[in-house]
Amino acid sequence: MISREQALHFADEWVAAWNAHDLDAVLAHYTEDFEMSSPFIQQMGISPDGRLKGKANVRNYWEKAMVNYPDLHFDLHEVLSCMNTVIIYYTSVKGKKAAEFFVFNEEGKVFQAMGHYN
């Protein structure tokens, strides 16, 4: 179970790691075989179904995203949590509003994440 304090701490670390463009720090929050879903994965032509599995594949995608968005900066707005999930609501690239949905395992690592954008 994720406590409110753990959810807030995760969100602060996650946003700070992205804003520092530190992929190792971002990826430290995930399991080796986690699955990521995002319309950006599909739009960038990386996977036709918008899904990737495994840190190596997601790292490759995120490295390309950072090249495409060198001024990437996230502004955190809200953190929602429930049992073993967290939703982070933030402003993403190009001013898009985003909600990232994370599912955590018993060790407190993310094994599934889904990005939602306006």
C-alpha atoms as a PDB file:
ATOM      1  CA  MET A   1       0.000   0.000   0.000  1.00  0.00           C
ATOM      2  CA  ILE A   2       1.264   3.461  -0.944  1.00  0.00           C
ATOM      3  CA  SER A   3       0.846   6.085   1.780  1.00  0.00           C
ATOM      4  CA  ARG A   4      -0.001   9.694   0.954  1.00  0.00           C
ATOM      5  CA  GLU A   5       3.523  10.701   2.004  1.00  0.00           C
ATOM      6  CA  GLN A   6       5.074   8.058  -0.272  1.00  0.00           C
ATOM      7  CA  ALA A   7       2.921   9.210  -3.184  1.00  0.00           C
ATOM      8  CA  LEU A   8       3.967  12.841  -2.688  1.00  0.00           C
ATOM      9  CA  HIS A   9       7.621  11.870  -2.325  1.00  0.00           C
ATOM     10  CA  PHE A  10       7.473   9.761  -5.497  1.00  0.00           C
ATOM     11  CA  ALA A  11       5.840  12.603  -7.458  1.00  0.00           C
ATOM     12  CA  ASP A  12       8.407  15.159  -6.276  1.00  0.00           C
ATOM     13  CA  GLU A  13      11.319  12.849  -7.154  1.00  0.00           C
ATOM     14  CA  TRP A  14       9.816  11.878 -10.510  1.00  0.00           C
ATOM     15  CA  VAL A  15       9.201  15.472 -11.620  1.00  0.00           C
ATOM     16  CA  ALA A  16      12.624  16.619 -10.363  1.00  0.00           C
ATOM     17  CA  ALA A  17      14.360  13.796 -12.252  1.00  0.00           C
ATOM     18  CA  TRP A  18      12.548  14.691 -15.472  1.00  0.00           C
ATOM     19  CA  ASN A  19      13.279  18.382 -15.038  1.00  0.00           C
ATOM     20  CA  ALA A  20      16.967  17.548 -14.518  1.00  0.00           C
ATOM     21  CA  HIS A  21      16.839  15.375 -17.672  1.00  0.00           C
ATOM     22  CA  ASP A  22      18.291  12.559 -15.555  1.00  0.00           C
ATOM     23  CA  LEU A  23      16.987   9.342 -17.131  1.00  0.00           C
ATOM     24  CA  ASP A  24      18.814   7.120 -14.658  1.00  0.00           C
ATOM     25  CA  ALA A  25      16.996   8.864 -11.796  1.00  0.00           C
ATOM     26  CA  VAL A  26      13.669   8.582 -13.613  1.00  0.00           C
ATOM     27  CA  LEU A  27      14.170   4.894 -14.431  1.00  0.00           C
ATOM     28  CA  ALA A  28      15.215   4.086 -10.850  1.00  0.00           C
ATOM     29  CA  HIS A  29      11.500   4.180  -9.957  1.00  0.00           C
ATOM     30  CA  TYR A  30      10.591   1.320 -12.312  1.00  0.00           C
ATOM     31  CA  THR A  31      10.932  -2.476 -12.428  1.00  0.00           C
ATOM     32  CA  GLU A  32      13.144  -3.969 -15.144  1.00  0.00           C
ATOM     33  CA  ASP A  33      10.124  -5.305 -17.052  1.00  0.00           C
ATOM     34  CA  PHE A  34       7.680  -2.441 -16.558  1.00  0.00           C
ATOM     35  CA  GLU A  35       5.187  -1.577 -19.273  1.00  0.00           C
ATOM     36  CA  MET A  36       4.574   1.956 -20.491  1.00  0.00           C
ATOM     37  CA  SER A  37       1.639   3.170 -22.606  1.00  0.00           C
ATOM     38  CA  SER A  38       1.476   6.619 -24.176  1.00  0.00           C
ATOM     39  CA  PRO A  39       0.080   8.214 -27.326  1.00  0.00           C
ATOM     40  CA  PHE A  40       3.526   9.828 -27.789  1.00  0.00           C
ATOM     41  CA  ILE A  41       5.046   6.339 -28.256  1.00  0.00           C
ATOM     42  CA  GLN A  42       2.694   5.846 -31.179  1.00  0.00           C
ATOM     43  CA  GLN A  43       3.062   9.405 -32.546  1.00  0.00           C
ATOM     44  CA  MET A  44       6.862   9.100 -32.570  1.00  0.00           C
ATOM     45  CA  GLY A  45       6.570   5.888 -34.603  1.00  0.00           C
ATOM     46  CA  ILE A  46       8.217   3.753 -31.925  1.00  0.00           C
ATOM     47  CA  SER A  47       5.392   1.256 -31.414  1.00  0.00           C
ATOM     48  CA  PRO A  48       2.135   1.092 -33.401  1.00  0.00           C
ATOM     49  CA  ASP A  49       0.062   0.227 -30.325  1.00  0.00           C
ATOM     50  CA  GLY A  50       1.621   2.921 -28.106  1.00  0.00           C
ATOM     51  CA  ARG A  51       3.104   0.383 -25.662  1.00  0.00           C
ATOM     52  CA  LEU A  52       6.622  -0.539 -24.637  1.00  0.00           C
ATOM     53  CA  LYS A  53       7.867  -3.167 -22.203  1.00  0.00           C
ATOM     54  CA  GLY A  54      11.189  -3.168 -20.356  1.00  0.00           C
ATOM     55  CA  LYS A  55      13.562  -0.464 -19.180  1.00  0.00           C
ATOM     56  CA  ALA A  56      15.842  -0.705 -22.233  1.00  0.00           C
ATOM     57  CA  ASN A  57      12.968  -0.084 -24.659  1.00  0.00           C
ATOM     58  CA  VAL A  58      11.471   2.729 -22.594  1.00  0.00           C
ATOM     59  CA  ARG A  59      14.922   4.319 -22.100  1.00  0.00           C
ATOM     60  CA  ASN A  60      15.358   4.401 -25.880  1.00  0.00           C
ATOM     61  CA  TYR A  61      11.965   6.092 -26.277  1.00  0.00           C
ATOM     62  CA  TRP A  62      12.613   8.623 -23.508  1.00  0.00           C
ATOM     63  CA  GLU A  63      16.071   9.447 -24.889  1.00  0.00           C
ATOM     64  CA  LYS A  64      14.470  10.249 -28.260  1.00  0.00           C
ATOM     65  CA  ALA A  65      11.776  12.305 -26.533  1.00  0.00           C
ATOM     66  CA  MET A  66      14.409  14.375 -24.732  1.00  0.00           C
ATOM     67  CA  VAL A  67      16.139  15.064 -28.055  1.00  0.00           C
ATOM     68  CA  ASN A  68      12.792  16.114 -29.566  1.00  0.00           C
ATOM     69  CA  TYR A  69      11.963  18.275 -26.530  1.00  0.00           C
ATOM     70  CA  PRO A  70      15.274  19.695 -25.256  1.00  0.00           C
ATOM     71  CA  ASP A  71      13.461  22.285 -23.134  1.00  0.00           C
ATOM     72  CA  LEU A  72      11.300  19.610 -21.468  1.00  0.00           C
ATOM     73  CA  HIS A  73      10.029  20.834 -18.099  1.00  0.00           C
ATOM     74  CA  PHE A  74       7.153  19.506 -16.007  1.00  0.00           C
ATOM     75  CA  ASP A  75       5.058  21.535 -13.540  1.00  0.00           C
ATOM     76  CA  LEU A  76       3.390  19.402 -10.884  1.00  0.00           C
ATOM     77  CA  HIS A  77      -0.232  20.289 -10.083  1.00  0.00           C
ATOM     78  CA  GLU A  78      -1.730  17.400  -8.148  1.00  0.00           C
ATOM     79  CA  VAL A  79      -0.959  13.956  -6.768  1.00  0.00           C
ATOM     80  CA  LEU A  80      -3.717  11.392  -6.287  1.00  0.00           C
ATOM     81  CA  SER A  81      -3.228   8.004  -4.692  1.00  0.00           C
ATOM     82  CA  CYS A  82      -5.107   4.800  -3.929  1.00  0.00           C
ATOM     83  CA  MET A  83      -3.773   1.547  -2.471  1.00  0.00           C
ATOM     84  CA  ASN A  84      -0.985   0.665  -4.948  1.00  0.00           C
ATOM     85  CA  THR A  85      -1.547   3.392  -7.568  1.00  0.00           C
ATOM     86  CA  VAL A  86      -0.600   7.033  -8.002  1.00  0.00           C
ATOM     87  CA  ILE A  87      -1.768   9.599 -10.530  1.00  0.00           C
ATOM     88  CA  ILE A  88       0.375  12.658 -11.145  1.00  0.00           C
ATOM     89  CA  TYR A  89      -1.364  15.596 -12.817  1.00  0.00           C
ATOM     90  CA  TYR A  90       1.103  18.027 -14.371  1.00  0.00           C
ATOM     91  CA  THR A  91       1.862  20.338 -17.271  1.00  0.00           C
ATOM     92  CA  SER A  92       3.968  18.482 -19.822  1.00  0.00           C
ATOM     93  CA  VAL A  93       5.741  19.436 -23.060  1.00  0.00           C
ATOM     94  CA  LYS A  94       4.246  22.204 -25.198  1.00  0.00           C
ATOM     95  CA  GLY A  95       1.979  23.188 -22.294  1.00  0.00           C
ATOM     96  CA  LYS A  96      -0.079  19.996 -22.558  1.00  0.00           C
ATOM     97  CA  LYS A  97      -1.926  18.922 -19.449  1.00  0.00           C
ATOM     98  CA  ALA A  98      -0.963  15.386 -18.496  1.00  0.00           C
ATOM     99  CA  ALA A  99      -2.012  12.720 -16.034  1.00  0.00           C
ATOM    100  CA  GLU A 100       0.369   9.830 -15.510  1.00  0.00           C
ATOM    101  CA  PHE A 101      -1.072   6.679 -13.920  1.00  0.00           C
ATOM    102  CA  PHE A 102       1.415   4.446 -12.065  1.00  0.00           C
ATOM    103  CA  VAL A 103       0.883   0.956 -10.618  1.00  0.00           C
ATOM    104  CA  PHE A 104       3.353  -0.106  -7.917  1.00  0.00           C
ATOM    105  CA  ASN A 105       4.503  -3.567  -6.833  1.00  0.00           C
ATOM    106  CA  GLU A 106       5.089  -4.670  -3.225  1.00  0.00           C
ATOM    107  CA  GLU A 107       8.662  -3.282  -3.301  1.00  0.00           C
ATOM    108  CA  GLY A 108       7.406   0.205  -4.176  1.00  0.00           C
ATOM    109  CA  LYS A 109       8.549   0.092  -7.817  1.00  0.00           C
ATOM    110  CA  VAL A 110       6.377   1.001 -10.798  1.00  0.00           C
ATOM    111  CA  PHE A 111       5.553  -1.987 -13.028  1.00  0.00           C
ATOM    112  CA  GLN A 112       2.947  -0.282 -15.203  1.00  0.00           C
ATOM    113  CA  ALA A 113       2.514   3.334 -16.276  1.00  0.00           C
ATOM    114  CA  MET A 114       0.105   5.080 -18.624  1.00  0.00           C
ATOM    115  CA  GLY A 115       0.379   8.646 -19.880  1.00  0.00           C
ATOM    116  CA  HIS A 116      -2.769  10.644 -20.633  1.00  0.00           C
ATOM    117  CA  TYR A 117      -2.706  14.035 -22.395  1.00  0.00           C
ATOM    118  CA  ASN A 118      -5.155  16.687 -23.529  1.00  0.00           C
END
